[in-house]
C-alpha atoms as a PDB file:
ATOM      1  CA  UNK A   1      20.092  16.243 -10.012  1.00  0.00           C
ATOM      2  CA  UNK A   2      19.241  17.313 -13.534  1.00  0.00           C
ATOM      3  CA  UNK A   3      21.340  14.465 -14.987  1.00  0.00           C
ATOM      4  CA  UNK A   4      23.590  11.618 -14.023  1.00  0.00           C
ATOM      5  CA  UNK A   5      26.940  12.692 -12.645  1.00  0.00           C
ATOM      6  CA  UNK A   6      29.874  12.677 -15.061  1.00  0.00           C
ATOM      7  CA  UNK A   7      31.855  10.961 -12.322  1.00  0.00           C
ATOM      8  CA  UNK A   8      30.905   7.362 -11.479  1.00  0.00           C
ATOM      9  CA  UNK A   9      28.929   7.024  -8.265  1.00  0.00           C
ATOM     10  CA  UNK A  10      29.061   3.614  -6.638  1.00  0.00           C
ATOM     11  CA  UNK A  11      27.749   1.901  -3.539  1.00  0.00           C
ATOM     12  CA  UNK A  12      29.160   2.882  -0.174  1.00  0.00           C
ATOM     13  CA  UNK A  13      31.375   0.184   1.391  1.00  0.00           C
ATOM     14  CA  UNK A  14      29.727  -2.775   3.136  1.00  0.00           C
ATOM     15  CA  UNK A  15      28.652  -2.017   6.677  1.00  0.00           C
ATOM     16  CA  UNK A  16      27.220  -4.079   9.527  1.00  0.00           C
ATOM     17  CA  UNK A  17      24.244  -3.098  11.703  1.00  0.00           C
ATOM     18  CA  UNK A  18      24.891  -1.520  15.077  1.00  0.00           C
ATOM     19  CA  UNK A  19      21.591  -3.011  16.271  1.00  0.00           C
ATOM     20  CA  UNK A  20      19.100  -5.705  15.260  1.00  0.00           C
ATOM     21  CA  UNK A  21      15.805  -6.697  16.808  1.00  0.00           C
ATOM     22  CA  UNK A  22      12.464  -8.463  16.549  1.00  0.00           C
ATOM     23  CA  UNK A  23       9.342  -6.318  16.843  1.00  0.00           C
ATOM     24  CA  UNK A  24       6.015  -7.961  17.777  1.00  0.00           C
ATOM     25  CA  UNK A  25       3.293  -6.301  15.682  1.00  0.00           C
ATOM     26  CA  UNK A  26       0.317  -8.423  16.675  1.00  0.00           C
ATOM     27  CA  UNK A  27      -1.570 -11.235  14.942  1.00  0.00           C
ATOM     28  CA  UNK A  28       1.313 -13.584  15.733  1.00  0.00           C
ATOM     29  CA  UNK A  29       3.736 -11.698  13.477  1.00  0.00           C
ATOM     30  CA  UNK A  30       7.286 -10.829  14.551  1.00  0.00           C
ATOM     31  CA  UNK A  31       9.295  -8.454  12.350  1.00  0.00           C
ATOM     32  CA  UNK A  32      13.068  -8.471  11.956  1.00  0.00           C
ATOM     33  CA  UNK A  33      14.628  -4.986  11.806  1.00  0.00           C
ATOM     34  CA  UNK A  34      18.129  -3.575  11.798  1.00  0.00           C
ATOM     35  CA  UNK A  35      19.837  -0.215  12.235  1.00  0.00           C
ATOM     36  CA  UNK A  36      23.048   0.838  10.513  1.00  0.00           C
ATOM     37  CA  UNK A  37      25.082   3.997  10.086  1.00  0.00           C
ATOM     38  CA  UNK A  38      24.947   7.045  12.340  1.00  0.00           C
ATOM     39  CA  UNK A  39      22.304   6.898  15.118  1.00  0.00           C
ATOM     40  CA  UNK A  40      22.308  10.714  15.124  1.00  0.00           C
ATOM     41  CA  UNK A  41      22.000  10.973  11.342  1.00  0.00           C
ATOM     42  CA  UNK A  42      18.984  11.528   9.090  1.00  0.00           C
ATOM     43  CA  UNK A  43      16.644   8.591   9.666  1.00  0.00           C
ATOM     44  CA  UNK A  44      15.942   6.688   6.440  1.00  0.00           C
ATOM     45  CA  UNK A  45      13.680   3.658   6.075  1.00  0.00           C
ATOM     46  CA  UNK A  46      14.429   1.211   3.248  1.00  0.00           C
ATOM     47  CA  UNK A  47      11.344  -0.662   1.996  1.00  0.00           C
ATOM     48  CA  UNK A  48      12.134  -3.843   0.078  1.00  0.00           C
ATOM     49  CA  UNK A  49      10.173  -5.223  -2.840  1.00  0.00           C
ATOM     50  CA  UNK A  50       7.863  -8.120  -3.452  1.00  0.00           C
ATOM     51  CA  UNK A  51       5.644  -8.115  -1.482  1.00  0.00           C
ATOM     52  CA  UNK A  52       7.440 -11.069   0.012  1.00  0.00           C
ATOM     53  CA  UNK A  53      11.097 -10.325  -0.715  1.00  0.00           C
ATOM     54  CA  UNK A  54      13.400  -9.358   2.174  1.00  0.00           C
ATOM     55  CA  UNK A  55      15.993  -6.803   3.176  1.00  0.00           C
ATOM     56  CA  UNK A  56      19.629  -7.525   2.297  1.00  0.00           C
ATOM     57  CA  UNK A  57      23.064  -6.211   3.195  1.00  0.00           C
ATOM     58  CA  UNK A  58      23.589  -4.434  -0.145  1.00  0.00           C
ATOM     59  CA  UNK A  59      20.546  -2.240   0.489  1.00  0.00           C
ATOM     60  CA  UNK A  60      22.373  -0.454   3.312  1.00  0.00           C
ATOM     61  CA  UNK A  61      24.919   0.810   0.815  1.00  0.00           C
ATOM     62  CA  UNK A  62      22.782   3.459  -0.925  1.00  0.00           C
ATOM     63  CA  UNK A  63      23.340   5.757   2.053  1.00  0.00           C
ATOM     64  CA  UNK A  64      26.366   7.590   3.439  1.00  0.00           C
ATOM     65  CA  UNK A  65      26.720   5.942   6.867  1.00  0.00           C
ATOM     66  CA  UNK A  66      28.125   9.173   8.318  1.00  0.00           C
ATOM     67  CA  UNK A  67      25.003  11.106   7.298  1.00  0.00           C
ATOM     68  CA  UNK A  68      22.226   8.560   7.662  1.00  0.00           C
ATOM     69  CA  UNK A  69      20.615   6.446  10.355  1.00  0.00           C
ATOM     70  CA  UNK A  70      19.666   3.518   8.094  1.00  0.00           C
ATOM     71  CA  UNK A  71      16.720   1.297   9.048  1.00  0.00           C
ATOM     72  CA  UNK A  72      15.770  -1.898   7.213  1.00  0.00           C
ATOM     73  CA  UNK A  73      13.123  -4.469   8.083  1.00  0.00           C
ATOM     74  CA  UNK A  74      11.634  -7.647   6.658  1.00  0.00           C
ATOM     75  CA  UNK A  75       7.923  -7.240   5.959  1.00  0.00           C
ATOM     76  CA  UNK A  76       5.398  -9.747   7.290  1.00  0.00           C
ATOM     77  CA  UNK A  77       6.072 -13.340   6.308  1.00  0.00           C
ATOM     78  CA  UNK A  78       9.441 -12.929   4.628  1.00  0.00           C
ATOM     79  CA  UNK A  79      13.160 -12.889   5.300  1.00  0.00           C
ATOM     80  CA  UNK A  80      13.887 -13.210   8.998  1.00  0.00           C
ATOM     81  CA  UNK A  81      10.386 -12.179  10.061  1.00  0.00           C
ATOM     82  CA  UNK A  82       8.091 -14.834  11.455  1.00  0.00           C
ATOM     83  CA  UNK A  83       5.998 -16.836  10.705  1.00  0.00           C
ATOM     84  CA  UNK A  84       7.592 -17.528   7.333  1.00  0.00           C
ATOM     85  CA  UNK A  85       5.441 -17.151   4.181  1.00  0.00           C
ATOM     86  CA  UNK A  86       2.353 -16.522   6.341  1.00  0.00           C
ATOM     87  CA  UNK A  87      -0.683 -15.087   4.525  1.00  0.00           C
ATOM     88  CA  UNK A  88      -3.010 -14.557   7.486  1.00  0.00           C
ATOM     89  CA  UNK A  89      -3.122 -10.976   8.777  1.00  0.00           C
ATOM     90  CA  UNK A  90      -0.878  -9.909   5.896  1.00  0.00           C
ATOM     91  CA  UNK A  91      -2.147  -6.951   3.861  1.00  0.00           C
ATOM     92  CA  UNK A  92      -1.011  -3.525   2.732  1.00  0.00           C
ATOM     93  CA  UNK A  93      -2.812  -1.948   5.662  1.00  0.00           C
ATOM     94  CA  UNK A  94      -1.044  -4.287   8.093  1.00  0.00           C
ATOM     95  CA  UNK A  95       2.324  -3.262   6.609  1.00  0.00           C
ATOM     96  CA  UNK A  96       1.514   0.454   6.831  1.00  0.00           C
ATOM     97  CA  UNK A  97       0.630  -0.037  10.491  1.00  0.00           C
ATOM     98  CA  UNK A  98       3.835  -2.026  11.033  1.00  0.00           C
ATOM     99  CA  UNK A  99       5.923   0.833   9.666  1.00  0.00           C
ATOM    100  CA  UNK A 100       4.302   3.244  12.113  1.00  0.00           C
ATOM    101  CA  UNK A 101       4.882   0.830  14.987  1.00  0.00           C
ATOM    102  CA  UNK A 102       8.542   0.549  14.015  1.00  0.00           C
ATOM    103  CA  UNK A 103       8.905   4.350  13.809  1.00  0.00           C
ATOM    104  CA  UNK A 104       7.403   4.741  17.248  1.00  0.00           C
ATOM    105  CA  UNK A 105       9.455   1.858  18.663  1.00  0.00           C
ATOM    106  CA  UNK A 106      12.645   3.579  17.477  1.00  0.00           C
ATOM    107  CA  UNK A 107      11.479   7.002  18.733  1.00  0.00           C
ATOM    108  CA  UNK A 108      11.884   8.575  15.298  1.00  0.00           C
ATOM    109  CA  UNK A 109       9.864  11.730  14.678  1.00  0.00           C
ATOM    110  CA  UNK A 110      10.216  11.759  10.884  1.00  0.00           C
ATOM    111  CA  UNK A 111      12.168   9.782   8.329  1.00  0.00           C
ATOM    112  CA  UNK A 112      13.108   9.701   4.686  1.00  0.00           C
ATOM    113  CA  UNK A 113      11.407   6.718   3.007  1.00  0.00           C
ATOM    114  CA  UNK A 114      13.208   4.865   0.194  1.00  0.00           C
ATOM    115  CA  UNK A 115      11.469   2.119  -1.790  1.00  0.00           C
ATOM    116  CA  UNK A 116      11.581   0.379  -5.149  1.00  0.00           C
ATOM    117  CA  UNK A 117       9.039  -1.730  -7.038  1.00  0.00           C
ATOM    118  CA  UNK A 118       6.576  -2.958  -4.369  1.00  0.00           C
ATOM    119  CA  UNK A 119       8.659  -0.862  -1.987  1.00  0.00           C
ATOM    120  CA  UNK A 120       7.585   2.206  -3.972  1.00  0.00           C
ATOM    121  CA  UNK A 121       3.942   1.149  -3.629  1.00  0.00           C
ATOM    122  CA  UNK A 122       4.261   0.719   0.100  1.00  0.00           C
ATOM    123  CA  UNK A 123       6.225   3.962   0.482  1.00  0.00           C
ATOM    124  CA  UNK A 124       3.533   5.904  -1.364  1.00  0.00           C
ATOM    125  CA  UNK A 125       0.635   4.359   0.570  1.00  0.00           C
ATOM    126  CA  UNK A 126       2.446   4.852   3.874  1.00  0.00           C
ATOM    127  CA  UNK A 127       3.231   8.489   3.060  1.00  0.00           C
ATOM    128  CA  UNK A 128      -0.351   9.144   1.977  1.00  0.00           C
ATOM    129  CA  UNK A 129      -1.579   7.649   5.255  1.00  0.00           C
ATOM    130  CA  UNK A 130       1.027   9.284   7.532  1.00  0.00           C
ATOM    131  CA  UNK A 131       2.367  12.333   5.662  1.00  0.00           C
ATOM    132  CA  UNK A 132       3.520  14.086   8.837  1.00  0.00           C
ATOM    133  CA  UNK A 133       5.986  11.262   9.492  1.00  0.00           C
ATOM    134  CA  UNK A 134       7.725  11.546   6.098  1.00  0.00           C
ATOM    135  CA  UNK A 135      10.675  13.875   5.423  1.00  0.00           C
ATOM    136  CA  UNK A 136      10.934  12.861   1.784  1.00  0.00           C
ATOM    137  CA  UNK A 137      10.531   9.990  -0.671  1.00  0.00           C
ATOM    138  CA  UNK A 138      13.052   8.287  -2.954  1.00  0.00           C
ATOM    139  CA  UNK A 139      11.145   5.974  -5.285  1.00  0.00           C
ATOM    140  CA  UNK A 140      12.365   3.534  -7.938  1.00  0.00           C
ATOM    141  CA  UNK A 141      10.523   1.280 -10.394  1.00  0.00           C
ATOM    142  CA  UNK A 142       7.042   2.631  -9.693  1.00  0.00           C
ATOM    143  CA  UNK A 143       4.377  -0.048  -9.187  1.00  0.00           C
ATOM    144  CA  UNK A 144       0.858   1.380  -8.902  1.00  0.00           C
ATOM    145  CA  UNK A 145      -0.755  -2.053  -8.418  1.00  0.00           C
ATOM    146  CA  UNK A 146      -3.718  -1.272 -10.657  1.00  0.00           C
ATOM    147  CA  UNK A 147      -5.422  -4.299 -12.238  1.00  0.00           C
ATOM    148  CA  UNK A 148      -3.853  -3.504 -15.612  1.00  0.00           C
ATOM    149  CA  UNK A 149      -0.400  -3.250 -14.019  1.00  0.00           C
ATOM    150  CA  UNK A 150      -0.732  -6.738 -12.531  1.00  0.00           C
ATOM    151  CA  UNK A 151      -2.181  -8.192 -15.741  1.00  0.00           C
ATOM    152  CA  UNK A 152       0.706  -6.766 -17.778  1.00  0.00           C
ATOM    153  CA  UNK A 153       3.276  -8.858 -15.962  1.00  0.00           C
ATOM    154  CA  UNK A 154       1.290 -11.935 -14.960  1.00  0.00           C
ATOM    155  CA  UNK A 155      -1.228 -12.384 -17.803  1.00  0.00           C
ATOM    156  CA  UNK A 156      -0.245 -10.660 -21.060  1.00  0.00           C
ATOM    157  CA  UNK A 157       2.259  -8.004 -22.008  1.00  0.00           C
ATOM    158  CA  UNK A 158       5.663  -8.851 -20.622  1.00  0.00           C
ATOM    159  CA  UNK A 159       5.015 -12.305 -22.097  1.00  0.00           C
ATOM    160  CA  UNK A 160       5.635 -10.843 -25.571  1.00  0.00           C
ATOM    161  CA  UNK A 161       9.035  -9.436 -24.613  1.00  0.00           C
ATOM    162  CA  UNK A 162      10.327 -12.499 -22.745  1.00  0.00           C
ATOM    163  CA  UNK A 163       8.519 -15.418 -24.449  1.00  0.00           C
ATOM    164  CA  UNK A 164      11.319 -17.846 -23.587  1.00  0.00           C
ATOM    165  CA  UNK A 165      11.015 -17.123 -19.860  1.00  0.00           C
ATOM    166  CA  UNK A 166       7.227 -16.904 -20.121  1.00  0.00           C
ATOM    167  CA  UNK A 167       7.263 -20.548 -21.186  1.00  0.00           C
ATOM    168  CA  UNK A 168       8.814 -21.471 -17.816  1.00  0.00           C
ATOM    169  CA  UNK A 169       6.141 -19.411 -16.036  1.00  0.00           C
ATOM    170  CA  UNK A 170       3.343 -21.155 -17.958  1.00  0.00           C
ATOM    171  CA  UNK A 171       4.709 -24.635 -17.385  1.00  0.00           C
ATOM    172  CA  UNK A 172       3.077 -25.472 -13.985  1.00  0.00           C
ATOM    173  CA  UNK A 173      -0.381 -24.345 -15.154  1.00  0.00           C
ATOM    174  CA  UNK A 174      -2.600 -26.546 -17.383  1.00  0.00           C
ATOM    175  CA  UNK A 175      -3.700 -24.945 -20.654  1.00  0.00           C
ATOM    176  CA  UNK A 176      -7.342 -24.721 -19.583  1.00  0.00           C
ATOM    177  CA  UNK A 177      -6.419 -22.597 -16.532  1.00  0.00           C
ATOM    178  CA  UNK A 178      -4.144 -20.096 -18.269  1.00  0.00           C
ATOM    179  CA  UNK A 179      -6.812 -17.439 -18.798  1.00  0.00           C
ATOM    180  CA  UNK A 180      -6.462 -16.556 -15.091  1.00  0.00           C
ATOM    181  CA  UNK A 181      -2.804 -17.126 -14.303  1.00  0.00           C
ATOM    182  CA  UNK A 182      -2.719 -15.430 -10.897  1.00  0.00           C
ATOM    183  CA  UNK A 183      -5.739 -17.395  -9.701  1.00  0.00           C
ATOM    184  CA  UNK A 184      -4.287 -20.642 -11.065  1.00  0.00           C
ATOM    185  CA  UNK A 185      -0.996 -20.027  -9.292  1.00  0.00           C
ATOM    186  CA  UNK A 186      -2.775 -19.107  -6.080  1.00  0.00           C
ATOM    187  CA  UNK A 187      -4.484 -22.498  -5.901  1.00  0.00           C
ATOM    188  CA  UNK A 188      -1.104 -24.200  -6.149  1.00  0.00           C
ATOM    189  CA  UNK A 189       0.667 -21.857  -3.748  1.00  0.00           C
ATOM    190  CA  UNK A 190      -1.849 -22.598  -1.002  1.00  0.00           C
ATOM    191  CA  UNK A 191      -1.829 -26.333  -1.767  1.00  0.00           C
ATOM    192  CA  UNK A 192      -1.259 -28.847   1.025  1.00  0.00           C
ATOM    193  CA  UNK A 193       1.030 -30.717  -1.369  1.00  0.00           C
ATOM    194  CA  UNK A 194       4.529 -29.426  -0.618  1.00  0.00           C
ATOM    195  CA  UNK A 195       5.900 -30.456  -4.026  1.00  0.00           C
ATOM    196  CA  UNK A 196       3.151 -28.691  -5.973  1.00  0.00           C
ATOM    197  CA  UNK A 197       3.520 -25.601  -3.803  1.00  0.00           C
ATOM    198  CA  UNK A 198       7.315 -25.400  -4.150  1.00  0.00           C
ATOM    199  CA  UNK A 199       7.324 -26.044  -7.900  1.00  0.00           C
ATOM    200  CA  UNK A 200       4.816 -23.241  -8.402  1.00  0.00           C
ATOM    201  CA  UNK A 201       6.779 -20.917  -6.132  1.00  0.00           C
ATOM    202  CA  UNK A 202      10.005 -21.507  -8.023  1.00  0.00           C
ATOM    203  CA  UNK A 203       8.392 -20.924 -11.414  1.00  0.00           C
ATOM    204  CA  UNK A 204       6.657 -17.740 -10.213  1.00  0.00           C
ATOM    205  CA  UNK A 205       9.851 -16.355  -8.673  1.00  0.00           C
ATOM    206  CA  UNK A 206      11.989 -17.316 -11.658  1.00  0.00           C
ATOM    207  CA  UNK A 207       9.738 -15.232 -13.932  1.00  0.00           C
ATOM    208  CA  UNK A 208      10.386 -12.131 -11.845  1.00  0.00           C
ATOM    209  CA  UNK A 209      14.120 -12.755 -11.405  1.00  0.00           C
ATOM    210  CA  UNK A 210      14.632 -13.473 -15.111  1.00  0.00           C
ATOM    211  CA  UNK A 211      13.046 -10.220 -16.260  1.00  0.00           C
ATOM    212  CA  UNK A 212      14.356  -7.798 -13.638  1.00  0.00           C
ATOM    213  CA  UNK A 213      17.403  -6.631 -15.590  1.00  0.00           C
ATOM    214  CA  UNK A 214      18.296  -5.898 -19.194  1.00  0.00           C
ATOM    215  CA  UNK A 215      20.910  -8.624 -18.875  1.00  0.00           C
ATOM    216  CA  UNK A 216      19.925 -11.624 -16.785  1.00  0.00           C
ATOM    217  CA  UNK A 217      21.819 -12.067 -13.535  1.00  0.00           C
ATOM    218  CA  UNK A 218      22.462 -15.768 -12.748  1.00  0.00           C
ATOM    219  CA  UNK A 219      23.064 -14.967  -9.079  1.00  0.00           C
ATOM    220  CA  UNK A 220      19.703 -13.207  -8.815  1.00  0.00           C
ATOM    221  CA  UNK A 221      18.031 -16.218 -10.414  1.00  0.00           C
ATOM    222  CA  UNK A 222      19.677 -18.525  -7.881  1.00  0.00           C
ATOM    223  CA  UNK A 223      18.815 -16.326  -4.919  1.00  0.00           C
ATOM    224  CA  UNK A 224      15.162 -15.781  -5.825  1.00  0.00           C
ATOM    225  CA  UNK A 225      14.478 -19.431  -6.687  1.00  0.00           C
ATOM    226  CA  UNK A 226      16.002 -20.819  -3.476  1.00  0.00           C
ATOM    227  CA  UNK A 227      13.273 -22.704  -1.636  1.00  0.00           C
ATOM    228  CA  UNK A 228      12.567 -20.365   1.304  1.00  0.00           C
ATOM    229  CA  UNK A 229      12.893 -17.148  -0.727  1.00  0.00           C
ATOM    230  CA  UNK A 230      10.704 -18.474  -3.538  1.00  0.00           C
ATOM    231  CA  UNK A 231       7.963 -19.655  -1.185  1.00  0.00           C
ATOM    232  CA  UNK A 232       7.710 -16.338   0.623  1.00  0.00           C
ATOM    233  CA  UNK A 233       7.882 -14.238  -2.542  1.00  0.00           C
ATOM    234  CA  UNK A 234       5.427 -16.270  -4.593  1.00  0.00           C
ATOM    235  CA  UNK A 235       2.878 -16.959  -1.859  1.00  0.00           C
ATOM    236  CA  UNK A 236       2.763 -13.395  -0.542  1.00  0.00           C
ATOM    237  CA  UNK A 237       2.815 -11.705  -3.958  1.00  0.00           C
ATOM    238  CA  UNK A 238       0.072 -13.950  -5.285  1.00  0.00           C
ATOM    239  CA  UNK A 239      -1.977 -13.447  -2.107  1.00  0.00           C
ATOM    240  CA  UNK A 240      -1.728  -9.670  -2.510  1.00  0.00           C
ATOM    241  CA  UNK A 241      -2.502  -9.686  -6.222  1.00  0.00           C
ATOM    242  CA  UNK A 242      -5.578 -11.859  -5.708  1.00  0.00           C
ATOM    243  CA  UNK A 243      -6.808  -8.976  -3.533  1.00  0.00           C
ATOM    244  CA  UNK A 244      -5.671  -6.167  -5.874  1.00  0.00           C
ATOM    245  CA  UNK A 245      -2.985  -5.441  -3.282  1.00  0.00           C
ATOM    246  CA  UNK A 246      -5.719  -4.380  -0.843  1.00  0.00           C
ATOM    247  CA  UNK A 247      -5.974  -1.035  -2.664  1.00  0.00           C
ATOM    248  CA  UNK A 248      -8.670   0.760  -4.618  1.00  0.00           C
ATOM    249  CA  UNK A 249      -7.983   0.434  -8.384  1.00  0.00           C
ATOM    250  CA  UNK A 250      -6.333   3.866  -8.744  1.00  0.00           C
ATOM    251  CA  UNK A 251      -5.797   4.668  -5.070  1.00  0.00           C
ATOM    252  CA  UNK A 252      -2.250   6.006  -5.207  1.00  0.00           C
ATOM    253  CA  UNK A 253      -2.963   8.583  -7.910  1.00  0.00           C
ATOM    254  CA  UNK A 254      -6.344   9.521  -6.427  1.00  0.00           C
ATOM    255  CA  UNK A 255      -4.676  10.252  -3.063  1.00  0.00           C
ATOM    256  CA  UNK A 256      -1.681  12.161  -4.418  1.00  0.00           C
ATOM    257  CA  UNK A 257      -2.824  15.440  -2.836  1.00  0.00           C
ATOM    258  CA  UNK A 258      -1.858  13.995   0.558  1.00  0.00           C
ATOM    259  CA  UNK A 259       1.843  14.004  -0.374  1.00  0.00           C
ATOM    260  CA  UNK A 260       2.157  16.727  -3.002  1.00  0.00           C
ATOM    261  CA  UNK A 261       4.171  18.847  -0.576  1.00  0.00           C
ATOM    262  CA  UNK A 262       6.718  16.139   0.347  1.00  0.00           C
ATOM    263  CA  UNK A 263      10.125  16.451  -1.383  1.00  0.00           C
ATOM    264  CA  UNK A 264      10.323  13.395  -3.635  1.00  0.00           C
ATOM    265  CA  UNK A 265      12.301  11.858  -6.463  1.00  0.00           C
ATOM    266  CA  UNK A 266      11.146   9.165  -8.913  1.00  0.00           C
ATOM    267  CA  UNK A 267      13.739   7.069 -10.780  1.00  0.00           C
ATOM    268  CA  UNK A 268      12.538   4.623 -13.433  1.00  0.00           C
ATOM    269  CA  UNK A 269      14.249   2.530 -16.100  1.00  0.00           C
ATOM    270  CA  UNK A 270      12.906   3.073 -19.619  1.00  0.00           C
ATOM    271  CA  UNK A 271      13.115  -0.649 -20.387  1.00  0.00           C
ATOM    272  CA  UNK A 272      11.488  -1.849 -17.182  1.00  0.00           C
ATOM    273  CA  UNK A 273       9.488  -4.954 -18.146  1.00  0.00           C
ATOM    274  CA  UNK A 274       8.120  -5.720 -14.687  1.00  0.00           C
ATOM    275  CA  UNK A 275       6.752  -2.225 -14.050  1.00  0.00           C
ATOM    276  CA  UNK A 276       6.575  -0.465 -17.435  1.00  0.00           C
ATOM    277  CA  UNK A 277       7.436   3.221 -17.607  1.00  0.00           C
ATOM    278  CA  UNK A 278       3.760   4.079 -18.153  1.00  0.00           C
ATOM    279  CA  UNK A 279       3.196   3.604 -14.403  1.00  0.00           C
ATOM    280  CA  UNK A 280       5.875   6.131 -13.453  1.00  0.00           C
ATOM    281  CA  UNK A 281       4.675   8.468 -16.218  1.00  0.00           C
ATOM    282  CA  UNK A 282       1.098   8.381 -14.930  1.00  0.00           C
ATOM    283  CA  UNK A 283       2.364   9.161 -11.441  1.00  0.00           C
ATOM    284  CA  UNK A 284       4.537  11.981 -12.785  1.00  0.00           C
ATOM    285  CA  UNK A 285       1.596  13.519 -14.663  1.00  0.00           C
ATOM    286  CA  UNK A 286      -0.497  13.479 -11.499  1.00  0.00           C
ATOM    287  CA  UNK A 287       2.405  14.697  -9.345  1.00  0.00           C
ATOM    288  CA  UNK A 288       4.645  17.044 -11.339  1.00  0.00           C
ATOM    289  CA  UNK A 289       6.122  18.459  -8.131  1.00  0.00           C
ATOM    290  CA  UNK A 290       8.189  15.282  -7.671  1.00  0.00           C
ATOM    291  CA  UNK A 291      11.551  15.201  -9.441  1.00  0.00           C
ATOM    292  CA  UNK A 292      11.242  12.631 -12.240  1.00  0.00           C
ATOM    293  CA  UNK A 293      14.171  10.880 -13.885  1.00  0.00           C
ATOM    294  CA  UNK A 294      13.982   8.304 -16.684  1.00  0.00           C
ATOM    295  CA  UNK A 295      17.056   6.083 -16.949  1.00  0.00           C
ATOM    296  CA  UNK A 296      17.516   5.231 -20.625  1.00  0.00           C
ATOM    297  CA  UNK A 297      20.021   2.423 -20.013  1.00  0.00           C
ATOM    298  CA  UNK A 298      18.150   0.224 -17.552  1.00  0.00           C
ATOM    299  CA  UNK A 299      15.251  -2.068 -16.787  1.00  0.00           C
ATOM    300  CA  UNK A 300      13.742  -2.673 -13.357  1.00  0.00           C
ATOM    301  CA  UNK A 301      16.541  -3.562 -10.963  1.00  0.00           C
ATOM    302  CA  UNK A 302      18.089  -1.161  -8.477  1.00  0.00           C
ATOM    303  CA  UNK A 303      21.357  -2.991  -9.164  1.00  0.00           C
ATOM    304  CA  UNK A 304      21.613  -1.716 -12.747  1.00  0.00           C
ATOM    305  CA  UNK A 305      24.488   0.737 -12.806  1.00  0.00           C
ATOM    306  CA  UNK A 306      22.739   3.935 -13.836  1.00  0.00           C
ATOM    307  CA  UNK A 307      19.748   3.326 -11.568  1.00  0.00           C
ATOM    308  CA  UNK A 308      22.105   2.680  -8.646  1.00  0.00           C
ATOM    309  CA  UNK A 309      23.933   5.900  -9.447  1.00  0.00           C
ATOM    310  CA  UNK A 310      20.742   7.960  -9.671  1.00  0.00           C
ATOM    311  CA  UNK A 311      19.487   6.627  -6.348  1.00  0.00           C
ATOM    312  CA  UNK A 312      22.755   7.300  -4.543  1.00  0.00           C
ATOM    313  CA  UNK A 313      22.894  10.808  -5.994  1.00  0.00           C
ATOM    314  CA  UNK A 314      19.378  11.331  -4.622  1.00  0.00           C
ATOM    315  CA  UNK A 315      20.448  10.266  -1.133  1.00  0.00           C
ATOM    316  CA  UNK A 316      23.460  12.588  -1.332  1.00  0.00           C
ATOM    317  CA  UNK A 317      21.351  15.506  -2.535  1.00  0.00           C
ATOM    318  CA  UNK A 318      18.817  15.023   0.242  1.00  0.00           C
ATOM    319  CA  UNK A 319      21.565  14.853   2.877  1.00  0.00           C
ATOM    320  CA  UNK A 320      22.867  18.215   1.635  1.00  0.00           C
ATOM    321  CA  UNK A 321      19.640  20.109   1.085  1.00  0.00           C
ATOM    322  CA  UNK A 322      16.636  18.040   2.338  1.00  0.00           C
ATOM    323  CA  UNK A 323      15.146  18.296  -1.168  1.00  0.00           C
ATOM    324  CA  UNK A 324      15.739  17.073  -4.738  1.00  0.00           C
ATOM    325  CA  UNK A 325      15.328  20.266  -6.795  1.00  0.00           C
END
């Protein structure tokens, strides 16, 4: 894995789950989960982004279905999990506990954990909390959730690279409230006025969709600004960021000793505007044992060709050797 393959590596063919279910995790929350691939294969858990996005069919396709037992689930409040866009009893610690409940429910001793963006955050926190349950980590678009990381995207930083899209993000917020954009959005996203809430959700979600790739993807914009998807994404993300993602300011790097021994790979686009490369670099400096790959032709999205290729190569390498060296 020292470089991208000279031969194109593409997604595995579409595949349907062999099993789906709803897992009660307490507090009135019911999680959708699905299993695909080989039930006797290497268990791999895919953690979607957000917080507040959802799992999708294309995410199954990073993994050879002959080699992997592929598990996806919708985190609290999003996708097919219920109740939709719910903020009560929804925190990072709840999600870490949910992952353990799902592992136990499926009678899996250990699994490979694969996550990008917020999924990388959750993968790292889960692994640091339950290292004995983790065979390895495949991480993309590192998001450390430090205050500066949140401010970069939602207050000042990315605004200077995408000023045209930033104007859409600013639009729902009066000028006098723009010094605290996350707090201003939060007040609208918890509003009892359905129109105010939905307009804010669409603007918040558009900002993320518009900046996820080097070249904007109209389909991604449509998908992420659809009413239900936008409400879950915006409400849950904003809820988490108002609470610093329920993490200590530098928790992931401070707790890196817990996972230093776990075979891991980090893939990050050099031109990632949502989660700038500095976050992955800081993690790499604290954790040089993890294989670190900068993709010089990509931004944030796992759907950008060279990021997709690097991630699939990582899954293939792990299936062969159970490591990334």
